[in-house]
Amino acid sequence: MSKTYYDPADLRKFGNISEWNEELGTKFFDYYGKVFEEGALSAREKSLIALAVSHVVQCPYCIDAYTKDGLQRGIDKKEMMEAVHVGAAIKSGATLVHGVQMMNKYDKLSM
């Protein structure tokens, strides 16, 4: 088995982050839990959003967790891939729209 920088087993250790700062760890996990409760969006919809965002922020732990969570919530592979493409499109657009800043700066400096 090849080694990777990200050890999949580390995902199971996520809850341990509170050991070094219990107050902030507890606050984070309370917030995280509240965010993923049923609300205006279903837990299924939130899982799909989380999967797309996981790809945009390139978190392998989150990708693993929300792929598994999505499967448990009945999200199929086509829905997952479409969500990933939505995330990729937004990330690409955000990158390209910053080109306007470069264009403005270029125009200003080259006057």
PDB file of N, CA and C in Angstrom:
ATOM      1  N   MET A   1       0.844  -1.183   0.000  1.00  0.00           N
ATOM      2  CA  MET A   1       0.000   0.000   0.000  1.00  0.00           C
ATOM      3  C   MET A   1       0.885   1.240   0.000  1.00  0.00           C
ATOM      4  N   SER A   2       0.587   2.159  -0.889  1.00  0.00           N
ATOM      5  CA  SER A   2       1.390   3.375  -0.950  1.00  0.00           C
ATOM      6  C   SER A   2       0.974   4.344   0.153  1.00  0.00           C
ATOM      7  N   LYS A   3       1.954   5.092   0.605  1.00  0.00           N
ATOM      8  CA  LYS A   3       1.668   6.105   1.622  1.00  0.00           C
ATOM      9  C   LYS A   3       1.268   7.398   0.941  1.00  0.00           C
ATOM     10  N   THR A   4       0.372   8.109   1.564  1.00  0.00           N
ATOM     11  CA  THR A   4      -0.011   9.421   1.084  1.00  0.00           C
ATOM     12  C   THR A   4       0.214  10.413   2.212  1.00  0.00           C
ATOM     13  N   TYR A   5       0.255  11.676   1.844  1.00  0.00           N
ATOM     14  CA  TYR A   5       0.422  12.723   2.845  1.00  0.00           C
ATOM     15  C   TYR A   5      -0.771  12.737   3.795  1.00  0.00           C
ATOM     16  N   TYR A   6      -1.957  12.542   3.239  1.00  0.00           N
ATOM     17  CA  TYR A   6      -3.174  12.498   4.035  1.00  0.00           C
ATOM     18  C   TYR A   6      -3.483  11.054   4.370  1.00  0.00           C
ATOM     19  N   ASP A   7      -3.476  10.734   5.649  1.00  0.00           N
ATOM     20  CA  ASP A   7      -3.783   9.382   6.087  1.00  0.00           C
ATOM     21  C   ASP A   7      -5.287   9.289   6.332  1.00  0.00           C
ATOM     22  N   PRO A   8      -6.001   8.453   5.577  1.00  0.00           N
ATOM     23  CA  PRO A   8      -7.443   8.332   5.761  1.00  0.00           C
ATOM     24  C   PRO A   8      -7.846   8.006   7.203  1.00  0.00           C
ATOM     25  N   ALA A   9      -6.987   7.330   7.927  1.00  0.00           N
ATOM     26  CA  ALA A   9      -7.290   6.993   9.329  1.00  0.00           C
ATOM     27  C   ALA A   9      -7.374   8.245  10.203  1.00  0.00           C
ATOM     28  N   ASP A  10      -6.744   9.328   9.759  1.00  0.00           N
ATOM     29  CA  ASP A  10      -6.774  10.563  10.556  1.00  0.00           C
ATOM     30  C   ASP A  10      -8.167  11.163  10.653  1.00  0.00           C
ATOM     31  N   LEU A  11      -9.031  10.875   9.699  1.00  0.00           N
ATOM     32  CA  LEU A  11     -10.401  11.396   9.757  1.00  0.00           C
ATOM     33  C   LEU A  11     -11.091  10.962  11.048  1.00  0.00           C
ATOM     34  N   ARG A  12     -10.822   9.747  11.477  1.00  0.00           N
ATOM     35  CA  ARG A  12     -11.428   9.250  12.723  1.00  0.00           C
ATOM     36  C   ARG A  12     -10.904   9.986  13.953  1.00  0.00           C
ATOM     37  N   LYS A  13      -9.802  10.694  13.807  1.00  0.00           N
ATOM     38  CA  LYS A  13      -9.206  11.431  14.927  1.00  0.00           C
ATOM     39  C   LYS A  13      -9.698  12.876  15.009  1.00  0.00           C
ATOM     40  N   PHE A  14     -10.567  13.264  14.091  1.00  0.00           N
ATOM     41  CA  PHE A  14     -11.014  14.657  14.014  1.00  0.00           C
ATOM     42  C   PHE A  14     -11.557  15.167  15.349  1.00  0.00           C
ATOM     43  N   GLY A  15     -12.327  14.345  16.032  1.00  0.00           N
ATOM     44  CA  GLY A  15     -12.891  14.744  17.320  1.00  0.00           C
ATOM     45  C   GLY A  15     -11.843  15.065  18.368  1.00  0.00           C
ATOM     46  N   ASN A  16     -10.630  14.600  18.161  1.00  0.00           N
ATOM     47  CA  ASN A  16      -9.555  14.824  19.131  1.00  0.00           C
ATOM     48  C   ASN A  16      -9.027  16.255  19.123  1.00  0.00           C
ATOM     49  N   ILE A  17      -9.435  17.067  18.156  1.00  0.00           N
ATOM     50  CA  ILE A  17      -8.900  18.436  18.121  1.00  0.00           C
ATOM     51  C   ILE A  17      -9.295  19.219  19.362  1.00  0.00           C
ATOM     52  N   SER A  18     -10.347  18.790  20.028  1.00  0.00           N
ATOM     53  CA  SER A  18     -10.782  19.474  21.254  1.00  0.00           C
ATOM     54  C   SER A  18      -9.825  19.238  22.415  1.00  0.00           C
ATOM     55  N   GLU A  19      -8.985  18.231  22.318  1.00  0.00           N
ATOM     56  CA  GLU A  19      -8.069  17.922  23.424  1.00  0.00           C
ATOM     57  C   GLU A  19      -7.098  19.061  23.702  1.00  0.00           C
ATOM     58  N   TRP A  20      -6.706  19.787  22.686  1.00  0.00           N
ATOM     59  CA  TRP A  20      -5.721  20.847  22.882  1.00  0.00           C
ATOM     60  C   TRP A  20      -6.350  22.195  23.165  1.00  0.00           C
ATOM     61  N   ASN A  21      -7.647  22.303  22.922  1.00  0.00           N
ATOM     62  CA  ASN A  21      -8.388  23.510  23.286  1.00  0.00           C
ATOM     63  C   ASN A  21      -9.857  23.120  23.367  1.00  0.00           C
ATOM     64  N   GLU A  22     -10.242  22.673  24.541  1.00  0.00           N
ATOM     65  CA  GLU A  22     -11.590  22.133  24.730  1.00  0.00           C
ATOM     66  C   GLU A  22     -12.677  23.165  24.448  1.00  0.00           C
ATOM     67  N   GLU A  23     -12.473  24.382  24.906  1.00  0.00           N
ATOM     68  CA  GLU A  23     -13.498  25.411  24.726  1.00  0.00           C
ATOM     69  C   GLU A  23     -13.787  25.666  23.241  1.00  0.00           C
ATOM     70  N   LEU A  24     -12.739  25.918  22.468  1.00  0.00           N
ATOM     71  CA  LEU A  24     -12.941  26.206  21.049  1.00  0.00           C
ATOM     72  C   LEU A  24     -13.379  24.973  20.275  1.00  0.00           C
ATOM     73  N   GLY A  25     -12.837  23.811  20.632  1.00  0.00           N
ATOM     74  CA  GLY A  25     -13.255  22.573  19.980  1.00  0.00           C
ATOM     75  C   GLY A  25     -14.731  22.312  20.200  1.00  0.00           C
ATOM     76  N   THR A  26     -15.187  22.490  21.420  1.00  0.00           N
ATOM     77  CA  THR A  26     -16.597  22.284  21.743  1.00  0.00           C
ATOM     78  C   THR A  26     -17.470  23.268  20.969  1.00  0.00           C
ATOM     79  N   LYS A  27     -17.053  24.528  20.935  1.00  0.00           N
ATOM     80  CA  LYS A  27     -17.825  25.531  20.196  1.00  0.00           C
ATOM     81  C   LYS A  27     -17.913  25.165  18.718  1.00  0.00           C
ATOM     82  N   PHE A  28     -16.791  24.719  18.146  1.00  0.00           N
ATOM     83  CA  PHE A  28     -16.803  24.335  16.738  1.00  0.00           C
ATOM     84  C   PHE A  28     -17.768  23.183  16.499  1.00  0.00           C
ATOM     85  N   PHE A  29     -17.661  22.121  17.294  1.00  0.00           N
ATOM     86  CA  PHE A  29     -18.507  20.949  17.059  1.00  0.00           C
ATOM     87  C   PHE A  29     -19.979  21.238  17.338  1.00  0.00           C
ATOM     88  N   ASP A  30     -20.270  22.135  18.293  1.00  0.00           N
ATOM     89  CA  ASP A  30     -21.662  22.552  18.516  1.00  0.00           C
ATOM     90  C   ASP A  30     -22.187  23.268  17.270  1.00  0.00           C
ATOM     91  N   TYR A  31     -21.383  24.199  16.744  1.00  0.00           N
ATOM     92  CA  TYR A  31     -21.761  24.936  15.535  1.00  0.00           C
ATOM     93  C   TYR A  31     -21.927  23.991  14.350  1.00  0.00           C
ATOM     94  N   TYR A  32     -20.952  23.129  14.150  1.00  0.00           N
ATOM     95  CA  TYR A  32     -20.958  22.175  13.039  1.00  0.00           C
ATOM     96  C   TYR A  32     -22.216  21.308  13.092  1.00  0.00           C
ATOM     97  N   GLY A  33     -22.538  20.827  14.273  1.00  0.00           N
ATOM     98  CA  GLY A  33     -23.734  20.010  14.443  1.00  0.00           C
ATOM     99  C   GLY A  33     -25.007  20.775  14.113  1.00  0.00           C
ATOM    100  N   LYS A  34     -25.087  22.019  14.552  1.00  0.00           N
ATOM    101  CA  LYS A  34     -26.259  22.851  14.272  1.00  0.00           C
ATOM    102  C   LYS A  34     -26.416  23.094  12.767  1.00  0.00           C
ATOM    103  N   VAL A  35     -25.299  23.376  12.108  1.00  0.00           N
ATOM    104  CA  VAL A  35     -25.336  23.650  10.672  1.00  0.00           C
ATOM    105  C   VAL A  35     -25.942  22.479   9.909  1.00  0.00           C
ATOM    106  N   PHE A  36     -25.629  21.258  10.314  1.00  0.00           N
ATOM    107  CA  PHE A  36     -26.071  20.093   9.563  1.00  0.00           C
ATOM    108  C   PHE A  36     -27.400  19.511  10.033  1.00  0.00           C
ATOM    109  N   GLU A  37     -28.071  20.189  10.964  1.00  0.00           N
ATOM    110  CA  GLU A  37     -29.425  19.781  11.347  1.00  0.00           C
ATOM    111  C   GLU A  37     -30.392  20.096  10.217  1.00  0.00           C
ATOM    112  N   GLU A  38     -31.509  19.379  10.193  1.00  0.00           N
ATOM    113  CA  GLU A  38     -32.562  19.691   9.228  1.00  0.00           C
ATOM    114  C   GLU A  38     -33.017  21.129   9.464  1.00  0.00           C
ATOM    115  N   GLY A  39     -33.231  21.846   8.391  1.00  0.00           N
ATOM    116  CA  GLY A  39     -33.685  23.230   8.479  1.00  0.00           C
ATOM    117  C   GLY A  39     -34.384  23.577   7.186  1.00  0.00           C
ATOM    118  N   ALA A  40     -34.124  24.767   6.670  1.00  0.00           N
ATOM    119  CA  ALA A  40     -34.678  25.137   5.372  1.00  0.00           C
ATOM    120  C   ALA A  40     -34.156  24.199   4.286  1.00  0.00           C
ATOM    121  N   LEU A  41     -32.944  23.690   4.495  1.00  0.00           N
ATOM    122  CA  LEU A  41     -32.375  22.666   3.616  1.00  0.00           C
ATOM    123  C   LEU A  41     -32.415  21.322   4.335  1.00  0.00           C
ATOM    124  N   SER A  42     -32.640  20.276   3.580  1.00  0.00           N
ATOM    125  CA  SER A  42     -32.634  18.931   4.164  1.00  0.00           C
ATOM    126  C   SER A  42     -31.196  18.506   4.449  1.00  0.00           C
ATOM    127  N   ALA A  43     -31.042  17.515   5.299  1.00  0.00           N
ATOM    128  CA  ALA A  43     -29.718  16.968   5.586  1.00  0.00           C
ATOM    129  C   ALA A  43     -29.090  16.415   4.304  1.00  0.00           C
ATOM    130  N   ARG A  44     -29.915  15.876   3.419  1.00  0.00           N
ATOM    131  CA  ARG A  44     -29.432  15.350   2.135  1.00  0.00           C
ATOM    132  C   ARG A  44     -28.867  16.485   1.277  1.00  0.00           C
ATOM    133  N   GLU A  45     -29.589  17.598   1.196  1.00  0.00           N
ATOM    134  CA  GLU A  45     -29.110  18.737   0.413  1.00  0.00           C
ATOM    135  C   GLU A  45     -27.818  19.297   1.005  1.00  0.00           C
ATOM    136  N   LYS A  46     -27.759  19.379   2.319  1.00  0.00           N
ATOM    137  CA  LYS A  46     -26.562  19.891   2.977  1.00  0.00           C
ATOM    138  C   LYS A  46     -25.370  18.977   2.731  1.00  0.00           C
ATOM    139  N   SER A  47     -25.608  17.678   2.685  1.00  0.00           N
ATOM    140  CA  SER A  47     -24.539  16.731   2.410  1.00  0.00           C
ATOM    141  C   SER A  47     -23.993  16.927   1.000  1.00  0.00           C
ATOM    142  N   LEU A  48     -24.869  17.161   0.054  1.00  0.00           N
ATOM    143  CA  LEU A  48     -24.460  17.382  -1.332  1.00  0.00           C
ATOM    144  C   LEU A  48     -23.680  18.693  -1.466  1.00  0.00           C
ATOM    145  N   ILE A  49     -24.129  19.723  -0.782  1.00  0.00           N
ATOM    146  CA  ILE A  49     -23.399  20.998  -0.772  1.00  0.00           C
ATOM    147  C   ILE A  49     -22.018  20.794  -0.154  1.00  0.00           C
ATOM    148  N   ALA A  50     -21.979  20.084   0.960  1.00  0.00           N
ATOM    149  CA  ALA A  50     -20.707  19.832   1.646  1.00  0.00           C
ATOM    150  C   ALA A  50     -19.743  19.062   0.741  1.00  0.00           C
ATOM    151  N   LEU A  51     -20.259  18.130  -0.033  1.00  0.00           N
ATOM    152  CA  LEU A  51     -19.410  17.373  -0.951  1.00  0.00           C
ATOM    153  C   LEU A  51     -18.813  18.292  -2.020  1.00  0.00           C
ATOM    154  N   ALA A  52     -19.629  19.177  -2.581  1.00  0.00           N
ATOM    155  CA  ALA A  52     -19.134  20.106  -3.598  1.00  0.00           C
ATOM    156  C   ALA A  52     -18.084  21.054  -3.006  1.00  0.00           C
ATOM    157  N   VAL A  53     -18.369  21.604  -1.840  1.00  0.00           N
ATOM    158  CA  VAL A  53     -17.428  22.518  -1.189  1.00  0.00           C
ATOM    159  C   VAL A  53     -16.138  21.780  -0.828  1.00  0.00           C
ATOM    160  N   SER A  54     -16.260  20.531  -0.418  1.00  0.00           N
ATOM    161  CA  SER A  54     -15.075  19.726  -0.079  1.00  0.00           C
ATOM    162  C   SER A  54     -14.108  19.650  -1.246  1.00  0.00           C
ATOM    163  N   HIS A  55     -14.650  19.549  -2.446  1.00  0.00           N
ATOM    164  CA  HIS A  55     -13.795  19.511  -3.625  1.00  0.00           C
ATOM    165  C   HIS A  55     -13.183  20.877  -3.913  1.00  0.00           C
ATOM    166  N   VAL A  56     -13.957  21.933  -3.745  1.00  0.00           N
ATOM    167  CA  VAL A  56     -13.452  23.280  -4.009  1.00  0.00           C
ATOM    168  C   VAL A  56     -12.317  23.623  -3.049  1.00  0.00           C
ATOM    169  N   VAL A  57     -12.458  23.261  -1.783  1.00  0.00           N
ATOM    170  CA  VAL A  57     -11.396  23.555  -0.815  1.00  0.00           C
ATOM    171  C   VAL A  57     -10.347  22.455  -0.775  1.00  0.00           C
ATOM    172  N   GLN A  58     -10.561  21.410  -1.556  1.00  0.00           N
ATOM    173  CA  GLN A  58      -9.619  20.303  -1.741  1.00  0.00           C
ATOM    174  C   GLN A  58      -9.238  19.618  -0.431  1.00  0.00           C
ATOM    175  N   CYS A  59     -10.268  19.235   0.327  1.00  0.00           N
ATOM    176  CA  CYS A  59     -10.057  18.529   1.596  1.00  0.00           C
ATOM    177  C   CYS A  59     -10.344  17.037   1.398  1.00  0.00           C
ATOM    178  N   PRO A  60      -9.305  16.208   1.316  1.00  0.00           N
ATOM    179  CA  PRO A  60      -9.536  14.784   1.081  1.00  0.00           C
ATOM    180  C   PRO A  60     -10.344  14.118   2.199  1.00  0.00           C
ATOM    181  N   TYR A  61     -10.172  14.588   3.422  1.00  0.00           N
ATOM    182  CA  TYR A  61     -10.951  14.020   4.528  1.00  0.00           C
ATOM    183  C   TYR A  61     -12.436  14.305   4.337  1.00  0.00           C
ATOM    184  N   CYS A  62     -12.739  15.546   3.962  1.00  0.00           N
ATOM    185  CA  CYS A  62     -14.135  15.936   3.742  1.00  0.00           C
ATOM    186  C   CYS A  62     -14.727  15.203   2.542  1.00  0.00           C
ATOM    187  N   ILE A  63     -13.941  15.042   1.489  1.00  0.00           N
ATOM    188  CA  ILE A  63     -14.416  14.317   0.316  1.00  0.00           C
ATOM    189  C   ILE A  63     -14.795  12.897   0.713  1.00  0.00           C
ATOM    190  N   ASP A  64     -13.932  12.235   1.470  1.00  0.00           N
ATOM    191  CA  ASP A  64     -14.239  10.878   1.939  1.00  0.00           C
ATOM    192  C   ASP A  64     -15.500  10.871   2.796  1.00  0.00           C
ATOM    193  N   ALA A  65     -15.560  11.797   3.752  1.00  0.00           N
ATOM    194  CA  ALA A  65     -16.677  11.817   4.702  1.00  0.00           C
ATOM    195  C   ALA A  65     -18.002  12.095   4.006  1.00  0.00           C
ATOM    196  N   TYR A  66     -18.026  13.069   3.096  1.00  0.00           N
ATOM    197  CA  TYR A  66     -19.302  13.441   2.480  1.00  0.00           C
ATOM    198  C   TYR A  66     -19.672  12.561   1.285  1.00  0.00           C
ATOM    199  N   THR A  67     -18.711  11.833   0.726  1.00  0.00           N
ATOM    200  CA  THR A  67     -19.072  10.794  -0.242  1.00  0.00           C
ATOM    201  C   THR A  67     -19.800   9.676   0.492  1.00  0.00           C
ATOM    202  N   LYS A  68     -19.248   9.272   1.616  1.00  0.00           N
ATOM    203  CA  LYS A  68     -19.889   8.222   2.431  1.00  0.00           C
ATOM    204  C   LYS A  68     -21.248   8.690   2.947  1.00  0.00           C
ATOM    205  N   ASP A  69     -21.299   9.910   3.477  1.00  0.00           N
ATOM    206  CA  ASP A  69     -22.549  10.455   3.996  1.00  0.00           C
ATOM    207  C   ASP A  69     -23.597  10.541   2.888  1.00  0.00           C
ATOM    208  N   GLY A  70     -23.176  10.997   1.719  1.00  0.00           N
ATOM    209  CA  GLY A  70     -24.095  11.109   0.595  1.00  0.00           C
ATOM    210  C   GLY A  70     -24.660   9.761   0.180  1.00  0.00           C
ATOM    211  N   LEU A  71     -23.809   8.761   0.128  1.00  0.00           N
ATOM    212  CA  LEU A  71     -24.286   7.417  -0.202  1.00  0.00           C
ATOM    213  C   LEU A  71     -25.325   6.947   0.810  1.00  0.00           C
ATOM    214  N   GLN A  72     -25.073   7.220   2.079  1.00  0.00           N
ATOM    215  CA  GLN A  72     -26.016   6.813   3.134  1.00  0.00           C
ATOM    216  C   GLN A  72     -27.336   7.573   3.026  1.00  0.00           C
ATOM    217  N   ARG A  73     -27.310   8.735   2.398  1.00  0.00           N
ATOM    218  CA  ARG A  73     -28.519   9.540   2.241  1.00  0.00           C
ATOM    219  C   ARG A  73     -29.174   9.342   0.873  1.00  0.00           C
ATOM    220  N   GLY A  74     -28.676   8.389   0.103  1.00  0.00           N
ATOM    221  CA  GLY A  74     -29.291   8.063  -1.170  1.00  0.00           C
ATOM    222  C   GLY A  74     -28.874   8.941  -2.334  1.00  0.00           C
ATOM    223  N   ILE A  75     -27.793   9.663  -2.184  1.00  0.00           N
ATOM    224  CA  ILE A  75     -27.292  10.497  -3.276  1.00  0.00           C
ATOM    225  C   ILE A  75     -26.520   9.591  -4.227  1.00  0.00           C
ATOM    226  N   ASP A  76     -26.880   9.633  -5.498  1.00  0.00           N
ATOM    227  CA  ASP A  76     -26.211   8.732  -6.445  1.00  0.00           C
ATOM    228  C   ASP A  76     -24.990   9.406  -7.079  1.00  0.00           C
ATOM    229  N   LYS A  77     -24.223   8.628  -7.822  1.00  0.00           N
ATOM    230  CA  LYS A  77     -22.960   9.124  -8.373  1.00  0.00           C
ATOM    231  C   LYS A  77     -23.154  10.260  -9.380  1.00  0.00           C
ATOM    232  N   LYS A  78     -24.256  10.251 -10.108  1.00  0.00           N
ATOM    233  CA  LYS A  78     -24.499  11.335 -11.060  1.00  0.00           C
ATOM    234  C   LYS A  78     -24.764  12.650 -10.326  1.00  0.00           C
ATOM    235  N   GLU A  79     -25.530  12.579  -9.242  1.00  0.00           N
ATOM    236  CA  GLU A  79     -25.785  13.787  -8.443  1.00  0.00           C
ATOM    237  C   GLU A  79     -24.483  14.295  -7.822  1.00  0.00           C
ATOM    238  N   MET A  80     -23.672  13.356  -7.309  1.00  0.00           N
ATOM    239  CA  MET A  80     -22.401  13.758  -6.709  1.00  0.00           C
ATOM    240  C   MET A  80     -21.506  14.442  -7.726  1.00  0.00           C
ATOM    241  N   MET A  81     -21.380  13.859  -8.904  1.00  0.00           N
ATOM    242  CA  MET A  81     -20.493  14.438  -9.918  1.00  0.00           C
ATOM    243  C   MET A  81     -21.025  15.779 -10.417  1.00  0.00           C
ATOM    244  N   GLU A  82     -22.333  15.895 -10.534  1.00  0.00           N
ATOM    245  CA  GLU A  82     -22.902  17.180 -10.946  1.00  0.00           C
ATOM    246  C   GLU A  82     -22.599  18.250  -9.901  1.00  0.00           C
ATOM    247  N   ALA A  83     -22.693  17.898  -8.633  1.00  0.00           N
ATOM    248  CA  ALA A  83     -22.364  18.843  -7.562  1.00  0.00           C
ATOM    249  C   ALA A  83     -20.896  19.249  -7.633  1.00  0.00           C
ATOM    250  N   VAL A  84     -20.017  18.301  -7.922  1.00  0.00           N
ATOM    251  CA  VAL A  84     -18.592  18.614  -8.056  1.00  0.00           C
ATOM    252  C   VAL A  84     -18.381  19.587  -9.221  1.00  0.00           C
ATOM    253  N   HIS A  85     -19.089  19.374 -10.313  1.00  0.00           N
ATOM    254  CA  HIS A  85     -18.965  20.287 -11.450  1.00  0.00           C
ATOM    255  C   HIS A  85     -19.507  21.677 -11.113  1.00  0.00           C
ATOM    256  N   VAL A  86     -20.560  21.757 -10.340  1.00  0.00           N
ATOM    257  CA  VAL A  86     -21.062  23.068  -9.902  1.00  0.00           C
ATOM    258  C   VAL A  86     -19.975  23.783  -9.107  1.00  0.00           C
ATOM    259  N   GLY A  87     -19.370  23.074  -8.163  1.00  0.00           N
ATOM    260  CA  GLY A  87     -18.289  23.665  -7.380  1.00  0.00           C
ATOM    261  C   GLY A  87     -17.124  24.109  -8.256  1.00  0.00           C
ATOM    262  N   ALA A  88     -16.765  23.269  -9.230  1.00  0.00           N
ATOM    263  CA  ALA A  88     -15.659  23.599 -10.135  1.00  0.00           C
ATOM    264  C   ALA A  88     -15.988  24.821 -10.981  1.00  0.00           C
ATOM    265  N   ALA A  89     -17.230  24.923 -11.428  1.00  0.00           N
ATOM    266  CA  ALA A  89     -17.631  26.075 -12.241  1.00  0.00           C
ATOM    267  C   ALA A  89     -17.555  27.365 -11.434  1.00  0.00           C
ATOM    268  N   ILE A  90     -18.007  27.320 -10.191  1.00  0.00           N
ATOM    269  CA  ILE A  90     -17.952  28.513  -9.342  1.00  0.00           C
ATOM    270  C   ILE A  90     -16.500  28.890  -9.071  1.00  0.00           C
ATOM    271  N   LYS A  91     -15.662  27.909  -8.759  1.00  0.00           N
ATOM    272  CA  LYS A  91     -14.244  28.177  -8.495  1.00  0.00           C
ATOM    273  C   LYS A  91     -13.575  28.756  -9.738  1.00  0.00           C
ATOM    274  N   SER A  92     -13.872  28.190 -10.905  1.00  0.00           N
ATOM    275  CA  SER A  92     -13.299  28.697 -12.152  1.00  0.00           C
ATOM    276  C   SER A  92     -13.761  30.120 -12.426  1.00  0.00           C
ATOM    277  N   GLY A  93     -15.046  30.368 -12.241  1.00  0.00           N
ATOM    278  CA  GLY A  93     -15.579  31.705 -12.454  1.00  0.00           C
ATOM    279  C   GLY A  93     -14.970  32.714 -11.509  1.00  0.00           C
ATOM    280  N   ALA A  94     -14.795  32.306 -10.258  1.00  0.00           N
ATOM    281  CA  ALA A  94     -14.193  33.212  -9.277  1.00  0.00           C
ATOM    282  C   ALA A  94     -12.753  33.541  -9.657  1.00  0.00           C
ATOM    283  N   THR A  95     -12.042  32.563 -10.185  1.00  0.00           N
ATOM    284  CA  THR A  95     -10.675  32.800 -10.642  1.00  0.00           C
ATOM    285  C   THR A  95     -10.676  33.762 -11.822  1.00  0.00           C
ATOM    286  N   LEU A  96     -11.532  33.496 -12.792  1.00  0.00           N
ATOM    287  CA  LEU A  96     -11.559  34.322 -14.001  1.00  0.00           C
ATOM    288  C   LEU A  96     -12.052  35.739 -13.742  1.00  0.00           C
ATOM    289  N   VAL A  97     -13.032  35.914 -12.874  1.00  0.00           N
ATOM    290  CA  VAL A  97     -13.538  37.261 -12.617  1.00  0.00           C
ATOM    291  C   VAL A  97     -12.460  38.130 -11.980  1.00  0.00           C
ATOM    292  N   HIS A  98     -11.503  37.517 -11.290  1.00  0.00           N
ATOM    293  CA  HIS A  98     -10.390  38.292 -10.752  1.00  0.00           C
ATOM    294  C   HIS A  98      -9.475  38.796 -11.862  1.00  0.00           C
ATOM    295  N   GLY A  99      -9.637  38.241 -13.056  1.00  0.00           N
ATOM    296  CA  GLY A  99      -8.912  38.766 -14.207  1.00  0.00           C
ATOM    297  C   GLY A  99      -9.267  40.207 -14.496  1.00  0.00           C
ATOM    298  N   VAL A 100     -10.483  40.617 -14.137  1.00  0.00           N
ATOM    299  CA  VAL A 100     -10.893  42.014 -14.308  1.00  0.00           C
ATOM    300  C   VAL A 100     -10.004  42.915 -13.454  1.00  0.00           C
ATOM    301  N   GLN A 101      -9.665  42.469 -12.253  1.00  0.00           N
ATOM    302  CA  GLN A 101      -8.771  43.247 -11.388  1.00  0.00           C
ATOM    303  C   GLN A 101      -7.414  43.421 -12.065  1.00  0.00           C
ATOM    304  N   MET A 102      -6.908  42.324 -12.651  1.00  0.00           N
ATOM    305  CA  MET A 102      -5.644  42.386 -13.360  1.00  0.00           C
ATOM    306  C   MET A 102      -5.740  43.334 -14.550  1.00  0.00           C
ATOM    307  N   MET A 103      -6.828  43.247 -15.296  1.00  0.00           N
ATOM    308  CA  MET A 103      -7.020  44.113 -16.458  1.00  0.00           C
ATOM    309  C   MET A 103      -7.062  45.579 -16.039  1.00  0.00           C
ATOM    310  N   ASN A 104      -7.793  45.877 -14.955  1.00  0.00           N
ATOM    311  CA  ASN A 104      -7.872  47.253 -14.456  1.00  0.00           C
ATOM    312  C   ASN A 104      -6.502  47.754 -14.028  1.00  0.00           C
ATOM    313  N   LYS A 105      -5.755  46.922 -13.311  1.00  0.00           N
ATOM    314  CA  LYS A 105      -4.421  47.307 -12.825  1.00  0.00           C
ATOM    315  C   LYS A 105      -3.480  47.526 -14.008  1.00  0.00           C
ATOM    316  N   TYR A 106      -3.544  46.637 -14.984  1.00  0.00           N
ATOM    317  CA  TYR A 106      -2.716  46.763 -16.185  1.00  0.00           C
ATOM    318  C   TYR A 106      -2.987  48.089 -16.885  1.00  0.00           C
ATOM    319  N   ASP A 107      -4.287  48.363 -17.100  1.00  0.00           N
ATOM    320  CA  ASP A 107      -4.673  49.611 -17.766  1.00  0.00           C
ATOM    321  C   ASP A 107      -4.170  50.836 -17.003  1.00  0.00           C
ATOM    322  N   LYS A 108      -4.285  50.795 -15.680  1.00  0.00           N
ATOM    323  CA  LYS A 108      -3.847  51.927 -14.860  1.00  0.00           C
ATOM    324  C   LYS A 108      -2.341  52.115 -14.939  1.00  0.00           C
ATOM    325  N   LEU A 109      -1.606  51.020 -14.874  1.00  0.00           N
ATOM    326  CA  LEU A 109      -0.139  51.113 -14.861  1.00  0.00           C
ATOM    327  C   LEU A 109       0.443  51.411 -16.243  1.00  0.00           C
ATOM    328  N   SER A 110      -0.257  51.071 -17.285  1.00  0.00           N
ATOM    329  CA  SER A 110       0.300  51.247 -18.615  1.00  0.00           C
ATOM    330  C   SER A 110      -0.112  52.560 -19.278  1.00  0.00           C
ATOM    331  N   MET A 111      -0.781  53.428 -18.536  1.00  0.00           N
ATOM    332  CA  MET A 111      -1.213  54.726 -19.090  1.00  0.00           C
ATOM    333  C   MET A 111      -0.038  55.633 -19.314  1.00  0.00           C
TER     334      MET A 111
END
